Amino acid sequence: MYPNANLFISGRWRPAQGGEVGPVFNPATEEEIGTFAIASIGDLEEAVSAASSSFAGWRALGPLERSGILRKASALVRERAGAIATIMTAEQGKPLAEAEREVLNSADIVEWFAEEGRRTYGRVIPARTPNVVQTVFREPLGVVAGFSPWNFPIAQAARKIGAALSAGCPIILKGPEDTPSCCAEFVRAFADAGVPAGVVSLVFGVPNDISDFLIAHPAIRKISFTGSTAVGKMLAAKAGAQMKRCTMELGGHAPAIVCDDADFDRAVKTLAMAKFRNAGQVCIAPTRFLVQRGVYDRFLDAFIESAKSIRVGDGSNETTTMGPLAHGRRMEAMEELVADGTRTGGEIHLGGKRVGNKGHFFAPTVISGLGKEARLMNEEPFGPLALFAPFTEIEEVIEEANRLPYGLATYAFTGSSSAAHKLSSGIETGMMTINHHGMSLPELPHGGVKDSGYGSEGGAEALEGYMTFKFVTHAMT
């Protein structure tokens, strides 16, 4: 049975003070399956107060003890992976196998931060004069407000909670209202692992109301947001007005570059998997497939054949390899983008329409011939749409890759070290993977440049966003 999602505040699971709830729908059936609690201002006040009160104790606990609690939480997540994945599939739609991989990967993320938090070393700077000691300390920033998305409701929550707690910061997480209960079960693992009351809070509600309250609150010292560029810019502006530090992991429009000399089969297999994972609702999903003319026709045909093998259906069915879009808004967006693409000269080779008349299912879609004025060539589709265009020279494809204001992820396949160097040094991107899919592991930086945001959600770089550097110079007397 689907568990309704309550708030977690001051170490207690409870309804909202006013008792208000919102509906949760299964995207495969469009049926209401449960509810989530809608936090009031009073609920948010209590969450901030509890987090503020818990900060001194959590900070003083020290990295070794914090690490032990996080490792216990990670183990509990692994034990409960099957149950959490079932809930995720019911409310988000992704196939069960994908959902379980996300949960297990999230446990890895928490465990990695548990260990990395033990290595937040300071340093001693040699002094210019005798009898002076110069030291730099790393200290936790304070209470964090985290905003987690619906497309990876566990993985992105893991990045925020893991980094904050390992650095010594309490966190108030605004979970995704479309996928609240899997996020709640993830937070439950931290509660059951012994995280002190107030160190982790989970709230749901009206996004604008929650962000306005938390970002402006003087007790909140850092904002971590994963979501669209448009919303990220609004939140960053609010945080800037309050001098709050931010990590922003925003939208993308990833180029996938395939050169004539690439390992052909590897490129097709890797890029098709990356494109249609989670029905394309992935910020780092390859979107513009830029293929060198010598292999363009062959690659397009092979990619289409690979896409034809995808089995679209209810994620709870073990034969399904691509589930529905998360909600009706994504379905409407796909139809509008495809319609605009055909009006601007695009040729649909596969898909381009919904599947069935119940549920938010959209077919894997391959389009070529789009002009640069097409919306699809400029807006993040966030769905199962692959856009194909040929190129001739490396300099040409670098120019196209950099044309958009996004700079999150880039894929490249080439057998030439010279071409790889030109691409990696010339393309404005936060992450690039060459000849394989090598992003999003816990120990790796995860973030973008330009309109794709700033700061890192992964690797040692992520911890720096939750800490401040204190310089102390001491003259001996």
Protein backbone atom coordinates (compact mmCIF):
# COMPACT_ATOMS: atom_id res chain seq x y z
CA MET A 1 0.00 0.00 0.00
CA TYR A 2 1.17 3.55 -0.73
CA PRO A 3 2.21 5.39 2.45
CA ASN A 4 0.98 8.98 2.72
CA ALA A 5 3.79 11.48 3.28
CA ASN A 6 3.88 13.45 6.52
CA LEU A 7 6.27 16.16 7.63
CA PHE A 8 9.36 15.30 9.67
CA ILE A 9 10.13 18.11 12.10
CA SER A 10 11.86 18.11 15.51
CA GLY A 11 12.45 14.38 15.23
CA ARG A 12 8.73 13.58 14.77
CA TRP A 13 6.60 12.44 11.85
CA ARG A 14 3.37 14.39 11.89
CA PRO A 15 0.67 15.99 9.74
CA ALA A 16 0.77 19.69 8.95
CA GLN A 17 -0.47 21.95 11.75
CA GLY A 18 -3.54 22.89 9.73
CA GLY A 19 -4.14 19.36 8.51
CA GLU A 20 -3.92 20.41 4.86
CA VAL A 21 -2.89 17.76 2.31
CA GLY A 22 -2.28 17.56 -1.44
CA PRO A 23 -2.87 14.63 -3.81
CA VAL A 24 -0.27 12.25 -5.24
CA PHE A 25 -0.93 10.60 -8.62
CA ASN A 26 0.47 7.52 -10.32
CA PRO A 27 1.70 8.76 -13.73
CA ALA A 28 1.12 5.35 -15.34
CA THR A 29 -2.58 5.26 -14.42
CA GLU A 30 -3.33 8.94 -13.64
CA GLU A 31 -5.09 7.70 -10.49
CA GLU A 32 -4.74 9.37 -7.10
CA ILE A 33 -2.79 7.03 -4.85
CA GLY A 34 -2.17 9.09 -1.71
CA THR A 35 -1.48 12.45 -0.14
CA PHE A 36 1.31 14.63 1.21
CA ALA A 37 1.16 17.13 4.08
CA ILE A 38 1.26 20.82 3.12
CA ALA A 39 3.43 22.73 5.58
CA SER A 40 2.20 26.00 7.03
CA ILE A 41 4.36 28.93 8.11
CA GLY A 42 4.07 27.60 11.65
CA ASP A 43 5.48 24.25 10.54
CA LEU A 44 8.37 25.99 8.81
CA GLU A 45 9.07 28.12 11.88
CA GLU A 46 9.30 24.98 13.99
CA ALA A 47 11.63 23.32 11.46
CA VAL A 48 13.98 26.32 11.45
CA SER A 49 13.92 26.59 15.24
CA ALA A 50 14.69 22.88 15.63
CA ALA A 51 17.50 23.02 13.10
CA SER A 52 19.02 26.10 14.74
CA SER A 53 18.87 24.49 18.19
CA SER A 54 20.49 21.29 16.91
CA PHE A 55 23.42 22.98 15.15
CA ALA A 56 25.79 23.34 18.10
CA GLY A 57 25.36 19.73 19.18
CA TRP A 58 25.69 18.25 15.69
CA ARG A 59 28.75 20.36 14.99
CA ALA A 60 30.36 19.39 18.30
CA LEU A 61 29.68 15.70 17.73
CA GLY A 62 32.70 15.63 15.45
CA PRO A 63 33.34 14.06 12.05
CA LEU A 64 33.97 10.51 13.30
CA GLU A 65 30.65 10.16 15.13
CA ARG A 66 28.76 11.95 12.36
CA SER A 67 30.32 9.52 9.90
CA GLY A 68 29.12 6.54 11.92
CA ILE A 69 25.52 7.76 11.90
CA LEU A 70 25.62 8.45 8.16
CA ARG A 71 27.08 5.02 7.45
CA LYS A 72 24.27 3.45 9.48
CA ALA A 73 21.71 5.45 7.49
CA SER A 74 23.33 4.26 4.27
CA ALA A 75 23.07 0.64 5.41
CA LEU A 76 19.38 1.08 6.24
CA VAL A 77 18.72 2.56 2.81
CA ARG A 78 20.32 -0.50 1.21
CA GLU A 79 18.22 -2.85 3.36
CA ARG A 80 15.03 -1.04 2.36
CA ALA A 81 15.94 -0.44 -1.29
CA GLY A 82 13.25 -2.72 -2.71
CA ALA A 83 10.43 -1.16 -0.72
CA ILE A 84 11.58 2.41 -1.41
CA ALA A 85 11.95 1.67 -5.13
CA THR A 86 8.40 0.32 -5.31
CA ILE A 87 7.07 3.56 -3.84
CA MET A 88 9.22 5.62 -6.24
CA THR A 89 7.89 3.76 -9.27
CA ALA A 90 4.30 4.25 -8.12
CA GLU A 91 4.65 8.04 -7.82
CA GLN A 92 7.39 8.88 -10.36
CA GLY A 93 6.95 6.20 -13.01
CA LYS A 94 10.49 4.98 -13.73
CA PRO A 95 10.94 1.20 -14.12
CA LEU A 96 11.52 -0.70 -10.90
CA ALA A 97 15.05 -1.68 -11.91
CA GLU A 98 15.95 2.00 -12.49
CA ALA A 99 14.31 3.01 -9.22
CA GLU A 100 16.23 0.42 -7.23
CA ARG A 101 19.52 1.45 -8.86
CA GLU A 102 18.80 5.04 -7.84
CA VAL A 103 18.15 4.02 -4.23
CA LEU A 104 21.32 1.94 -4.03
CA ASN A 105 23.36 4.69 -5.68
CA SER A 106 21.96 7.10 -3.10
CA ALA A 107 23.19 4.85 -0.32
CA ASP A 108 26.64 4.98 -1.96
CA ILE A 109 26.45 8.80 -2.05
CA VAL A 110 25.66 9.01 1.66
CA GLU A 111 28.40 6.52 2.53
CA TRP A 112 30.95 8.45 0.45
CA PHE A 113 30.10 11.73 2.18
CA ALA A 114 30.30 9.93 5.53
CA GLU A 115 33.91 9.08 4.78
CA GLU A 116 34.88 12.32 3.03
CA GLY A 117 33.54 14.35 5.96
CA ARG A 118 36.31 12.85 8.09
CA ARG A 119 38.89 14.52 5.84
CA THR A 120 37.88 18.17 5.94
CA TYR A 121 41.38 19.21 6.88
CA GLY A 122 42.65 22.71 7.55
CA ARG A 123 46.22 23.85 6.97
CA VAL A 124 49.16 25.68 8.49
CA ILE A 125 50.63 28.56 6.47
CA PRO A 126 54.33 29.29 7.11
CA ALA A 127 54.66 32.74 8.67
CA ARG A 128 56.94 35.51 7.46
CA THR A 129 58.02 36.44 10.98
CA PRO A 130 59.18 34.40 13.96
CA ASN A 131 56.77 33.36 16.72
CA VAL A 132 53.67 33.63 14.51
CA VAL A 133 51.41 30.67 13.76
CA GLN A 134 49.00 31.00 10.84
CA THR A 135 46.21 28.42 10.53
CA VAL A 136 43.13 27.90 8.38
CA PHE A 137 40.15 26.00 9.81
CA ARG A 138 37.15 24.59 7.96
CA GLU A 139 33.91 25.09 9.84
CA PRO A 140 30.28 24.21 8.98
CA LEU A 141 28.25 27.11 7.60
CA GLY A 142 25.08 26.51 9.59
CA VAL A 143 21.50 25.59 8.76
CA VAL A 144 20.88 24.62 5.12
CA ALA A 145 17.69 24.83 3.07
CA GLY A 146 17.69 22.13 0.38
CA PHE A 147 15.26 21.91 -2.53
CA SER A 148 15.09 18.48 -4.15
CA PRO A 149 13.50 17.60 -7.54
CA TRP A 150 11.01 14.93 -8.58
CA ASN A 151 13.04 13.32 -11.37
CA PHE A 152 15.61 11.79 -8.98
CA PRO A 153 13.81 12.20 -5.65
CA ILE A 154 16.24 10.03 -3.68
CA ALA A 155 19.57 10.68 -5.41
CA GLN A 156 19.33 14.46 -5.22
CA ALA A 157 18.11 14.35 -1.63
CA ALA A 158 21.12 12.12 -0.85
CA ARG A 159 23.55 14.66 -2.30
CA LYS A 160 22.11 17.48 -0.20
CA ILE A 161 21.59 15.59 3.05
CA GLY A 162 24.89 13.69 2.78
CA ALA A 163 26.99 16.78 2.11
CA ALA A 164 25.27 18.95 4.72
CA LEU A 165 25.36 16.41 7.55
CA SER A 166 28.92 15.28 6.92
CA ALA A 167 30.06 18.92 6.98
CA GLY A 168 28.29 19.45 10.32
CA CYS A 169 25.25 21.39 9.04
CA PRO A 170 21.60 20.69 9.87
CA ILE A 171 19.32 20.69 6.82
CA ILE A 172 15.69 21.42 6.11
CA LEU A 173 14.78 19.58 2.91
CA LYS A 174 11.82 20.66 0.82
CA GLY A 175 10.93 17.40 -0.81
CA PRO A 176 9.23 17.05 -4.21
CA GLU A 177 5.44 17.18 -4.02
CA ASP A 178 5.08 14.89 -7.06
CA THR A 179 7.18 12.16 -5.41
CA PRO A 180 6.94 12.76 -1.66
CA SER A 181 6.72 9.33 -0.07
CA CYS A 182 9.91 7.76 -1.44
CA CYS A 183 11.74 10.87 -0.24
CA ALA A 184 10.09 10.49 3.17
CA GLU A 185 11.20 6.86 3.40
CA PHE A 186 14.73 7.93 2.56
CA VAL A 187 14.69 10.52 5.36
CA ARG A 188 13.27 7.84 7.69
CA ALA A 189 16.53 5.94 7.35
CA PHE A 190 18.40 8.91 8.85
CA ALA A 191 15.92 9.19 11.69
CA ASP A 192 16.21 5.46 12.42
CA ALA A 193 20.01 5.68 12.23
CA GLY A 194 20.02 8.08 15.18
CA VAL A 195 20.33 11.52 13.62
CA PRO A 196 19.44 13.90 16.50
CA ALA A 197 16.11 15.70 16.44
CA GLY A 198 16.20 18.85 14.32
CA VAL A 199 19.31 17.94 12.33
CA VAL A 200 17.18 16.73 9.41
CA SER A 201 13.71 18.07 8.65
CA LEU A 202 11.47 17.26 5.70
CA VAL A 203 8.68 19.54 4.50
CA PHE A 204 6.34 19.69 1.54
CA GLY A 205 3.92 22.35 0.41
CA VAL A 206 3.50 25.34 -1.86
CA PRO A 207 6.99 25.75 -3.42
CA ASN A 208 6.96 29.57 -3.60
CA ASP A 209 5.75 29.92 -0.02
CA ILE A 210 8.42 27.56 1.31
CA SER A 211 11.27 29.08 -0.66
CA ASP A 212 10.27 32.66 0.21
CA PHE A 213 10.16 31.82 3.91
CA LEU A 214 13.31 29.72 4.16
CA ILE A 215 15.57 31.83 1.97
CA ALA A 216 14.67 35.03 3.80
CA HIS A 217 14.97 33.53 7.27
CA PRO A 218 18.08 34.83 9.06
CA ALA A 219 18.88 31.39 10.50
CA ILE A 220 19.32 29.85 7.04
CA ARG A 221 22.93 30.17 5.88
CA LYS A 222 23.00 28.19 2.63
CA ILE A 223 20.66 27.23 -0.22
CA SER A 224 21.04 24.09 -2.34
CA PHE A 225 18.67 23.79 -5.29
CA THR A 226 18.30 21.29 -8.11
CA GLY A 227 15.78 22.14 -10.81
CA SER A 228 15.07 24.30 -13.81
CA THR A 229 17.18 27.29 -14.80
CA ALA A 230 14.19 29.64 -14.62
CA VAL A 231 13.33 28.71 -11.03
CA GLY A 232 17.00 28.56 -10.05
CA LYS A 233 17.57 32.14 -11.20
CA MET A 234 14.63 33.34 -9.10
CA LEU A 235 15.86 31.53 -6.00
CA ALA A 236 19.45 32.71 -6.55
CA ALA A 237 18.22 36.30 -6.77
CA LYS A 238 16.33 35.92 -3.50
CA ALA A 239 19.36 34.35 -1.85
CA GLY A 240 21.65 37.07 -3.21
CA ALA A 241 19.51 39.74 -1.62
CA GLN A 242 20.12 37.97 1.71
CA MET A 243 23.83 37.24 1.10
CA LYS A 244 23.16 33.51 1.32
CA ARG A 245 25.60 31.07 -0.21
CA CYS A 246 24.11 28.87 -2.97
CA THR A 247 24.70 25.69 -4.88
CA MET A 248 22.62 25.68 -8.06
CA GLU A 249 22.39 22.55 -10.24
CA LEU A 250 20.13 23.67 -13.07
CA GLY A 251 19.02 22.74 -16.58
CA GLY A 252 21.04 21.55 -19.54
CA HIS A 253 20.89 20.84 -23.26
CA ALA A 254 23.75 18.38 -23.55
CA PRO A 255 25.53 17.95 -26.88
CA ALA A 256 26.43 14.36 -27.77
CA ILE A 257 29.27 14.49 -30.29
CA VAL A 258 30.11 11.45 -32.42
CA CYS A 259 33.17 11.67 -34.67
CA ASP A 260 33.86 9.57 -37.77
CA ASP A 261 36.55 7.61 -35.93
CA ALA A 262 34.46 6.78 -32.85
CA ASP A 263 33.83 3.26 -31.58
CA PHE A 264 30.49 3.08 -33.39
CA ASP A 265 28.72 0.35 -31.43
CA ARG A 266 29.81 1.73 -28.08
CA ALA A 267 28.57 5.20 -29.00
CA VAL A 268 25.14 3.94 -30.09
CA LYS A 269 24.66 1.76 -27.02
CA THR A 270 25.90 4.34 -24.51
CA LEU A 271 24.02 7.32 -25.91
CA ALA A 272 20.72 5.48 -26.42
CA MET A 273 20.84 4.32 -22.81
CA ALA A 274 21.67 7.80 -21.53
CA LYS A 275 19.01 9.50 -23.66
CA PHE A 276 16.01 7.38 -22.68
CA ARG A 277 16.86 6.65 -19.05
CA ASN A 278 14.05 7.95 -16.83
CA ALA A 279 12.13 8.80 -20.04
CA GLY A 280 14.68 11.52 -20.78
CA GLN A 281 13.81 13.40 -17.59
CA VAL A 282 17.46 13.82 -16.68
CA CYS A 283 19.30 17.14 -16.50
CA ILE A 284 22.45 15.59 -18.00
CA ALA A 285 20.64 13.59 -20.70
CA PRO A 286 22.20 13.90 -24.18
CA THR A 287 19.89 16.05 -26.31
CA ARG A 288 21.66 17.43 -29.41
CA PHE A 289 23.21 14.48 -31.24
CA LEU A 290 25.90 16.09 -33.38
CA VAL A 291 27.33 13.41 -35.66
CA GLN A 292 30.17 13.81 -38.15
CA ARG A 293 29.02 13.43 -41.75
CA GLY A 294 31.07 10.32 -42.49
CA VAL A 295 28.97 8.21 -40.10
CA TYR A 296 25.84 10.40 -39.77
CA ASP A 297 23.36 8.31 -41.80
CA ARG A 298 24.61 5.03 -40.39
CA PHE A 299 24.56 6.31 -36.82
CA LEU A 300 21.06 7.77 -37.19
CA ASP A 301 19.73 4.46 -38.51
CA ALA A 302 21.40 2.46 -35.73
CA PHE A 303 20.14 4.83 -33.04
CA ILE A 304 16.58 4.55 -34.38
CA GLU A 305 16.78 0.76 -34.30
CA SER A 306 18.00 0.90 -30.72
CA ALA A 307 15.17 3.24 -29.74
CA LYS A 308 12.62 0.91 -31.38
CA SER A 309 13.61 -1.84 -28.94
CA ILE A 310 12.51 0.24 -25.92
CA ARG A 311 9.42 -1.16 -24.21
CA VAL A 312 7.25 1.69 -22.93
CA GLY A 313 4.86 0.87 -20.11
CA ASP A 314 4.03 0.88 -16.43
CA GLY A 315 7.26 0.90 -14.45
CA SER A 316 5.92 -1.80 -12.13
CA ASN A 317 5.89 -4.26 -15.06
CA GLU A 318 9.24 -6.06 -15.15
CA THR A 319 9.30 -6.03 -18.96
CA THR A 320 9.12 -2.22 -19.12
CA THR A 321 12.33 -0.42 -20.03
CA MET A 322 10.93 3.15 -20.16
CA GLY A 323 8.13 4.40 -17.96
CA PRO A 324 5.76 7.36 -18.27
CA LEU A 325 6.56 11.02 -17.95
CA ALA A 326 6.10 12.16 -14.38
CA HIS A 327 2.99 14.28 -14.91
CA GLY A 328 0.69 15.81 -17.48
CA ARG A 329 2.72 19.01 -17.69
CA ARG A 330 5.62 17.10 -19.24
CA MET A 331 3.28 15.45 -21.74
CA GLU A 332 1.94 18.83 -22.85
CA ALA A 333 5.49 20.18 -23.15
CA MET A 334 6.54 17.26 -25.39
CA GLU A 335 3.60 17.75 -27.71
CA GLU A 336 4.21 21.50 -27.98
CA LEU A 337 7.93 21.07 -28.67
CA VAL A 338 7.41 18.39 -31.31
CA ALA A 339 4.70 20.45 -33.03
CA ASP A 340 7.03 23.46 -33.13
CA GLY A 341 9.81 21.25 -34.48
CA THR A 342 7.74 20.00 -37.39
CA ARG A 343 6.65 23.56 -38.21
CA THR A 344 10.31 24.61 -38.42
CA GLY A 345 11.39 21.84 -40.80
CA GLY A 346 12.05 18.93 -38.46
CA GLU A 347 11.61 15.35 -39.73
CA ILE A 348 10.26 12.83 -37.24
CA HIS A 349 11.96 9.47 -37.80
CA LEU A 350 10.42 7.77 -34.78
CA GLY A 351 7.76 8.52 -32.19
CA GLY A 352 6.67 12.10 -31.73
CA LYS A 353 3.41 11.27 -30.01
CA ARG A 354 1.86 9.84 -26.88
CA VAL A 355 1.45 6.10 -26.37
CA GLY A 356 -2.05 4.91 -25.51
CA ASN A 357 -4.84 7.01 -24.06
CA LYS A 358 -4.21 6.48 -20.35
CA GLY A 359 -1.13 7.47 -18.42
CA HIS A 360 1.59 9.95 -19.34
CA PHE A 361 3.36 7.76 -21.87
CA PHE A 362 5.32 9.39 -24.69
CA ALA A 363 7.14 7.43 -27.38
CA PRO A 364 10.93 7.53 -27.75
CA THR A 365 11.37 10.19 -30.40
CA VAL A 366 14.08 10.89 -32.98
CA ILE A 367 14.01 14.14 -34.99
CA SER A 368 16.43 15.56 -37.55
CA GLY A 369 16.60 18.64 -39.76
CA LEU A 370 15.67 21.18 -37.09
CA GLY A 371 16.66 24.77 -37.72
CA LYS A 372 18.49 26.60 -34.98
CA GLU A 373 15.38 28.73 -34.43
CA ALA A 374 13.35 25.68 -33.34
CA ARG A 375 12.41 25.67 -29.69
CA LEU A 376 13.82 22.16 -29.35
CA MET A 377 17.25 23.41 -30.38
CA ASN A 378 17.16 26.07 -27.68
CA GLU A 379 15.02 24.82 -24.79
CA GLU A 380 15.72 21.85 -22.55
CA PRO A 381 13.14 19.22 -23.62
CA PHE A 382 13.41 17.13 -20.43
CA GLY A 383 11.82 14.17 -22.14
CA PRO A 384 12.55 11.30 -24.59
CA LEU A 385 13.42 13.52 -27.56
CA ALA A 386 16.70 13.00 -29.47
CA LEU A 387 17.64 15.76 -31.92
CA PHE A 388 20.05 14.90 -34.75
CA ALA A 389 22.26 17.17 -36.86
CA PRO A 390 25.45 16.54 -38.89
CA PHE A 391 28.77 18.38 -38.64
CA THR A 392 31.94 18.44 -40.70
CA GLU A 393 34.82 19.92 -38.67
CA ILE A 394 35.64 19.84 -34.94
CA GLU A 395 35.66 23.65 -34.79
CA GLU A 396 32.11 23.68 -36.18
CA VAL A 397 30.77 21.31 -33.55
CA ILE A 398 32.50 23.20 -30.73
CA GLU A 399 30.78 26.38 -31.90
CA GLU A 400 27.39 24.62 -31.89
CA ALA A 401 28.00 23.08 -28.47
CA ASN A 402 28.77 26.53 -27.04
CA ARG A 403 25.91 28.30 -28.85
CA LEU A 404 23.41 27.88 -26.03
CA PRO A 405 23.62 29.47 -22.57
CA TYR A 406 23.63 26.02 -20.97
CA GLY A 407 26.81 24.28 -19.86
CA LEU A 408 26.02 21.25 -17.73
CA ALA A 409 27.11 18.04 -19.50
CA THR A 410 28.75 17.01 -22.76
CA TYR A 411 29.26 13.59 -24.35
CA ALA A 412 31.91 12.89 -26.96
CA PHE A 413 33.03 9.79 -28.85
CA THR A 414 36.25 9.84 -30.84
CA GLY A 415 39.29 7.65 -31.46
CA SER A 416 41.54 10.68 -31.78
CA SER A 417 43.38 12.07 -28.77
CA SER A 418 43.79 15.34 -30.68
CA ALA A 419 40.03 15.65 -31.24
CA ALA A 420 39.35 14.71 -27.60
CA HIS A 421 41.71 17.45 -26.45
CA LYS A 422 40.12 20.06 -28.72
CA LEU A 423 36.64 19.14 -27.50
CA SER A 424 37.51 19.00 -23.80
CA SER A 425 39.38 22.31 -23.88
CA GLY A 426 37.04 24.15 -26.23
CA ILE A 427 33.56 23.31 -24.96
CA GLU A 428 32.08 25.34 -22.11
CA THR A 429 30.71 22.66 -19.81
CA GLY A 430 30.80 21.60 -16.19
CA MET A 431 31.16 17.90 -17.02
CA MET A 432 32.39 16.01 -20.07
CA THR A 433 32.54 12.28 -20.61
CA ILE A 434 34.55 10.89 -23.55
CA ASN A 435 34.03 7.40 -25.00
CA HIS A 436 31.88 6.21 -22.09
CA HIS A 437 29.25 7.40 -19.61
CA GLY A 438 31.37 8.51 -16.66
CA MET A 439 29.32 11.08 -14.73
CA SER A 440 27.32 11.21 -11.49
CA LEU A 441 29.41 8.87 -9.32
CA PRO A 442 29.54 10.00 -5.66
CA GLU A 443 33.22 10.96 -5.73
CA LEU A 444 32.96 13.10 -8.87
CA PRO A 445 32.12 16.82 -9.13
CA HIS A 446 28.57 17.35 -10.38
CA GLY A 447 27.57 20.78 -11.63
CA GLY A 448 27.54 23.20 -14.53
CA VAL A 449 28.52 26.62 -15.81
CA LYS A 450 26.65 29.51 -17.42
CA ASP A 451 22.87 29.08 -17.10
CA SER A 452 23.35 25.54 -15.83
CA GLY A 453 24.30 26.85 -12.41
CA TYR A 454 27.31 26.97 -10.14
CA GLY A 455 28.83 24.95 -7.34
CA SER A 456 29.08 21.18 -7.14
CA GLU A 457 26.64 18.58 -5.85
CA GLY A 458 29.26 15.83 -5.80
CA GLY A 459 32.83 15.03 -4.92
CA ALA A 460 35.08 16.80 -2.45
CA GLU A 461 34.03 20.06 -4.12
CA ALA A 462 30.50 19.60 -2.78
CA LEU A 463 31.63 19.73 0.84
CA GLU A 464 33.32 23.10 0.31
CA GLY A 465 29.90 24.61 -0.41
CA TYR A 466 28.76 23.70 3.11
CA MET A 467 31.84 25.01 4.94
CA THR A 468 33.51 28.31 5.64
CA PHE A 469 37.25 28.90 5.93
CA LYS A 470 38.44 30.67 9.08
CA PHE A 471 41.95 32.13 9.14
CA VAL A 472 43.59 32.56 12.54
CA THR A 473 46.99 34.20 12.98
CA HIS A 474 48.54 33.95 16.45
CA ALA A 475 51.59 35.89 17.63
CA MET A 476 53.24 34.03 20.52
CA THR A 477 53.89 36.12 23.65
